[in-house]
Amino acid sequence: MATFIDTHVHLNADQYDDDLQQVIDRALEAKVEKMVVIGFDRKTIERAMALVEEHDFIYAVIGWHPVDAIDCTEKDLTWIEELAAHPKVVGIGETGLDYYWDKSPKDIQEFWFRKQIKLAQKLNLPIIIHNRDATGDVVRILREENAATVGGIMHCFGGSVETARECINMNFMISLGGPVTFKNARQPKEVAKEIPLEHLLIETDAPYLAPHPYRGKRNEPSYVPLVAEEIARQKELSLEEVANVTTANAIRFLKLDV
């Protein structure tokens, strides 16, 4: 029986306040055996850490989101470093650059992005990358900071096959989410087809970016098999093979056997 891992989900989001346990139950019923919850500010980090204590199949990634970089302080980063000693914290992030929203100036985003890469290197943890409309700068900074020493995950990757290969060469995994299922999603489908399965992960980014046929609705981790199905379709492989390899990739890369 195929099983799945949602490598990027926000079960700590307000959107699940009323039915979190039902959402988790549906994920388990859909054979989503492990979930990685992302904390990206004070509130969501605290909630992520609570979830890893409550559920043995939930892990956490903690960091500071680029949209909110203007609110980050050295005290926040020290706190993240302390929490990252927990054995179920498996990465630093999501961090990176977001040029779509204009809450945080680019130079401030870059400052905290570089700081979090250095923190990940200090802790020997992978970096989970958020990139929106900033691919050139993200790749340049990863190269300048020698991020390949720890590698990481290009979360909800929406770039070209060429950019995916460039990231893989820096020891990064390519994670595909709901957009790969969208009818007009040419680049994600090309990446799903062309990038070898051993470099791919699957995710939902729930409650955001629900896959077809739930596009526009609240996303949840039980939908991650739909992402695997589209990758299988593009590669002309069985769903079970995509599930098995992406699950093994996640366990190996994020060390989810803790």
Protein backbone atom coordinates (compact mmCIF):
# COMPACT_ATOMS: atom_id res chain seq x y z
CA MET A 1 0.00 0.00 0.00
CA ALA A 2 1.43 3.37 -1.03
CA THR A 3 2.08 5.88 1.74
CA PHE A 4 2.86 9.58 1.47
CA ILE A 5 4.68 12.33 3.37
CA ASP A 6 3.49 15.93 3.28
CA THR A 7 6.80 17.75 3.59
CA HIS A 8 5.31 21.24 3.98
CA VAL A 9 2.01 21.92 5.72
CA HIS A 10 0.68 24.63 8.03
CA LEU A 11 -1.46 22.65 10.46
CA ASN A 12 -0.63 25.49 12.86
CA ALA A 13 -2.68 27.97 10.77
CA ASP A 14 -5.81 29.66 12.08
CA GLN A 15 -7.79 28.05 9.25
CA TYR A 16 -7.72 24.74 11.16
CA ASP A 17 -8.78 26.08 14.55
CA ASP A 18 -12.23 24.50 14.35
CA ASP A 19 -11.44 21.03 12.97
CA LEU A 20 -7.73 20.28 13.30
CA GLN A 21 -8.18 16.73 14.58
CA GLN A 22 -10.55 15.86 11.75
CA VAL A 23 -8.03 17.25 9.24
CA ILE A 24 -5.28 15.10 10.78
CA ASP A 25 -7.56 12.05 10.80
CA ARG A 26 -8.39 12.50 7.11
CA ALA A 27 -4.69 12.73 6.30
CA LEU A 28 -3.96 9.48 8.11
CA GLU A 29 -6.89 7.79 6.35
CA ALA A 30 -5.39 8.95 3.02
CA LYS A 31 -2.13 7.16 3.98
CA VAL A 32 -0.24 10.38 4.67
CA GLU A 33 1.97 8.78 7.30
CA LYS A 34 4.09 11.79 8.26
CA MET A 35 3.62 15.55 8.09
CA VAL A 36 6.16 18.36 8.44
CA VAL A 37 4.63 21.48 9.97
CA ILE A 38 6.26 24.82 9.18
CA GLY A 39 6.55 27.54 11.81
CA PHE A 40 7.57 30.92 10.39
CA ASP A 41 6.89 33.49 13.16
CA ARG A 42 6.42 33.47 16.95
CA LYS A 43 2.82 32.23 16.93
CA THR A 44 3.21 29.53 14.29
CA ILE A 45 6.51 28.28 15.72
CA GLU A 46 4.92 27.84 19.16
CA ARG A 47 2.02 25.95 17.60
CA ALA A 48 4.37 23.77 15.52
CA MET A 49 6.36 22.80 18.61
CA ALA A 50 3.15 21.88 20.43
CA LEU A 51 2.05 19.68 17.53
CA VAL A 52 5.30 17.69 17.46
CA GLU A 53 4.82 16.91 21.15
CA GLU A 54 1.22 15.79 20.63
CA HIS A 55 1.73 13.55 17.56
CA ASP A 56 4.59 11.15 16.89
CA PHE A 57 4.08 11.43 13.10
CA ILE A 58 4.42 15.24 13.01
CA TYR A 59 7.77 17.02 12.64
CA ALA A 60 8.62 20.72 12.56
CA VAL A 61 10.63 23.15 10.49
CA ILE A 62 11.11 26.54 12.15
CA GLY A 63 12.40 29.86 10.86
CA TRP A 64 11.26 33.32 9.84
CA HIS A 65 9.24 34.07 6.71
CA PRO A 66 10.66 36.67 4.29
CA VAL A 67 7.35 38.57 4.08
CA ASP A 68 7.67 39.22 7.83
CA ALA A 69 11.44 39.75 7.84
CA ILE A 70 10.96 43.35 8.98
CA ASP A 71 9.60 42.01 12.29
CA CYS A 72 12.49 39.60 12.95
CA THR A 73 15.06 40.31 15.68
CA GLU A 74 18.28 38.71 16.91
CA LYS A 75 16.29 37.55 19.93
CA ASP A 76 13.92 35.67 17.62
CA LEU A 77 16.81 33.94 15.89
CA THR A 78 18.37 32.92 19.21
CA TRP A 79 15.01 31.49 20.27
CA ILE A 80 14.76 29.53 17.01
CA GLU A 81 18.27 28.16 17.57
CA GLU A 82 17.35 27.00 21.07
CA LEU A 83 14.15 25.30 19.88
CA ALA A 84 16.01 23.64 17.01
CA ALA A 85 17.78 21.42 19.54
CA HIS A 86 14.53 19.42 19.70
CA PRO A 87 15.07 16.12 17.85
CA LYS A 88 11.87 16.56 15.83
CA VAL A 89 12.92 19.93 14.39
CA VAL A 90 14.20 18.80 11.00
CA GLY A 91 14.98 22.04 9.17
CA ILE A 92 15.29 25.83 9.25
CA GLY A 93 12.70 27.88 7.37
CA GLU A 94 10.73 28.70 5.58
CA THR A 95 13.13 31.47 4.69
CA GLY A 96 14.12 33.10 1.43
CA LEU A 97 12.86 36.05 -0.58
CA ASP A 98 9.39 37.27 -1.53
CA TYR A 99 9.22 40.14 -4.03
CA TYR A 100 5.46 39.80 -4.57
CA TRP A 101 4.40 41.29 -1.23
CA ASP A 102 6.06 44.54 -0.20
CA LYS A 103 5.82 44.43 3.59
CA SER A 104 9.56 43.85 4.08
CA PRO A 105 12.22 45.73 2.07
CA LYS A 106 14.47 43.54 -0.07
CA ASP A 107 17.62 44.35 1.87
CA ILE A 108 15.99 43.31 5.16
CA GLN A 109 14.71 40.09 3.61
CA GLU A 110 18.21 39.34 2.35
CA PHE A 111 19.80 40.09 5.72
CA TRP A 112 17.61 37.57 7.59
CA PHE A 113 17.80 35.05 4.75
CA ARG A 114 21.60 35.02 5.00
CA LYS A 115 21.42 34.83 8.81
CA GLN A 116 19.15 31.78 8.63
CA ILE A 117 21.38 30.04 6.10
CA LYS A 118 24.28 30.53 8.52
CA LEU A 119 22.13 29.22 11.39
CA ALA A 120 21.20 26.12 9.39
CA GLN A 121 24.88 25.54 8.67
CA LYS A 122 25.75 25.94 12.36
CA LEU A 123 23.07 23.43 13.31
CA ASN A 124 23.68 21.12 10.33
CA LEU A 125 20.02 21.28 9.30
CA PRO A 126 18.58 21.68 5.79
CA ILE A 127 17.12 25.03 4.72
CA ILE A 128 13.53 25.24 3.49
CA ILE A 129 13.31 27.95 0.83
CA HIS A 130 10.40 30.27 0.07
CA ASN A 131 10.87 31.98 -3.29
CA ARG A 132 8.33 34.25 -4.91
CA ASP A 133 9.33 36.36 -7.90
CA ALA A 134 12.96 36.34 -6.68
CA THR A 135 14.60 33.30 -8.29
CA GLY A 136 17.80 35.02 -9.47
CA ASP A 137 18.55 36.54 -6.07
CA VAL A 138 17.61 33.37 -4.16
CA VAL A 139 19.95 31.20 -6.21
CA ARG A 140 22.75 33.80 -6.04
CA ILE A 141 22.53 34.08 -2.25
CA LEU A 142 22.43 30.31 -1.79
CA ARG A 143 25.58 30.08 -3.88
CA GLU A 144 27.32 32.99 -2.12
CA GLU A 145 26.55 31.51 1.31
CA ASN A 146 27.70 28.03 0.22
CA ALA A 147 24.31 26.63 1.18
CA ALA A 148 25.23 23.35 -0.52
CA THR A 149 27.03 22.36 2.69
CA VAL A 150 23.64 21.57 4.26
CA GLY A 151 21.34 21.71 1.25
CA GLY A 152 17.61 22.02 1.62
CA ILE A 153 14.24 22.05 -0.09
CA MET A 154 12.92 24.40 -2.76
CA HIS A 155 9.41 24.58 -1.34
CA CYS A 156 6.48 24.59 -3.78
CA PHE A 157 8.89 24.95 -6.67
CA GLY A 158 7.50 26.94 -9.59
CA GLY A 159 10.62 27.65 -11.63
CA SER A 160 12.10 26.18 -14.77
CA VAL A 161 13.73 22.79 -15.29
CA GLU A 162 17.05 24.62 -15.69
CA THR A 163 16.66 26.38 -12.33
CA ALA A 164 15.64 23.09 -10.71
CA ARG A 165 18.84 21.48 -11.97
CA GLU A 166 20.88 24.41 -10.69
CA CYS A 167 19.32 23.94 -7.23
CA ILE A 168 19.87 20.18 -7.30
CA ASN A 169 23.54 20.85 -7.99
CA MET A 170 23.57 22.83 -4.73
CA ASN A 171 22.22 19.82 -2.79
CA PHE A 172 18.58 20.95 -2.82
CA MET A 173 15.48 18.82 -3.24
CA ILE A 174 12.66 20.03 -5.48
CA SER A 175 9.26 19.95 -3.77
CA LEU A 176 6.08 20.09 -5.84
CA GLY A 177 2.66 21.04 -4.51
CA GLY A 178 -0.87 21.69 -5.69
CA PRO A 179 0.06 23.96 -8.63
CA VAL A 180 1.50 20.97 -10.53
CA THR A 181 -2.10 19.76 -10.90
CA PHE A 182 -3.37 23.01 -12.42
CA LYS A 183 -4.24 22.73 -16.11
CA ASN A 184 -2.17 25.81 -17.07
CA ALA A 185 0.87 24.96 -14.91
CA ARG A 186 3.36 24.37 -17.73
CA GLN A 187 6.60 24.77 -15.76
CA PRO A 188 5.68 22.59 -12.76
CA LYS A 189 4.50 19.84 -15.12
CA GLU A 190 7.78 20.06 -17.06
CA VAL A 191 9.73 19.82 -13.79
CA ALA A 192 7.64 16.81 -12.73
CA LYS A 193 8.41 15.14 -16.04
CA GLU A 194 12.09 16.02 -16.46
CA ILE A 195 13.59 16.01 -12.96
CA PRO A 196 14.58 12.52 -11.74
CA LEU A 197 12.29 11.15 -9.06
CA GLU A 198 15.13 10.81 -6.56
CA HIS A 199 15.32 14.63 -6.40
CA LEU A 200 11.58 15.22 -5.83
CA LEU A 201 9.42 15.69 -2.75
CA ILE A 202 5.68 16.29 -2.46
CA GLU A 203 3.81 18.78 -0.29
CA THR A 204 0.52 20.60 0.09
CA ASP A 205 1.45 23.98 1.65
CA ALA A 206 -2.01 23.58 3.17
CA PRO A 207 -4.21 25.48 3.87
CA TYR A 208 -2.97 27.25 0.72
CA LEU A 209 -2.68 26.16 -2.94
CA ALA A 210 -5.20 23.33 -2.97
CA PRO A 211 -4.74 20.98 -5.93
CA HIS A 212 -7.27 20.39 -8.68
CA PRO A 213 -10.21 19.67 -8.26
CA TYR A 214 -10.18 21.61 -4.94
CA ARG A 215 -8.44 24.70 -6.33
CA GLY A 216 -9.63 27.84 -4.53
CA LYS A 217 -10.79 25.91 -1.46
CA ARG A 218 -8.97 25.28 1.81
CA ASN A 219 -6.19 22.80 1.24
CA GLU A 220 -5.35 19.96 3.64
CA PRO A 221 -2.69 17.24 3.85
CA SER A 222 -5.10 14.48 2.76
CA TYR A 223 -4.82 16.00 -0.74
CA VAL A 224 -1.09 15.32 -1.13
CA PRO A 225 -1.74 12.06 -3.04
CA LEU A 226 -3.21 14.22 -5.83
CA VAL A 227 0.21 15.83 -6.25
CA ALA A 228 1.83 12.40 -6.45
CA GLU A 229 -0.78 11.32 -9.00
CA GLU A 230 0.10 14.21 -11.31
CA ILE A 231 3.83 13.46 -11.03
CA ALA A 232 3.07 9.82 -11.86
CA ARG A 233 1.04 10.97 -14.86
CA GLN A 234 3.85 13.19 -16.14
CA LYS A 235 6.49 10.49 -15.67
CA GLU A 236 4.28 7.62 -16.87
CA LEU A 237 4.94 5.76 -13.62
CA SER A 238 2.65 4.10 -11.12
CA LEU A 239 1.33 6.12 -8.19
CA GLU A 240 2.90 3.55 -5.88
CA GLU A 241 6.38 4.13 -7.31
CA VAL A 242 6.09 7.91 -6.95
CA ALA A 243 4.75 7.50 -3.41
CA ASN A 244 7.49 5.06 -2.41
CA VAL A 245 10.38 7.10 -3.80
CA THR A 246 9.19 10.52 -2.57
CA THR A 247 8.50 9.02 0.86
CA ALA A 248 11.98 7.49 1.00
CA ASN A 249 13.46 10.82 -0.17
CA ALA A 250 11.73 12.72 2.64
CA ILE A 251 12.74 10.22 5.32
CA ARG A 252 16.36 10.28 4.16
CA PHE A 253 16.73 14.00 3.52
CA LEU A 254 14.85 15.26 6.60
CA LYS A 255 15.92 12.35 8.84
CA LEU A 256 12.31 11.60 9.81
CA ASP A 257 13.11 8.38 11.67
CA VAL A 258 13.56 10.22 14.99
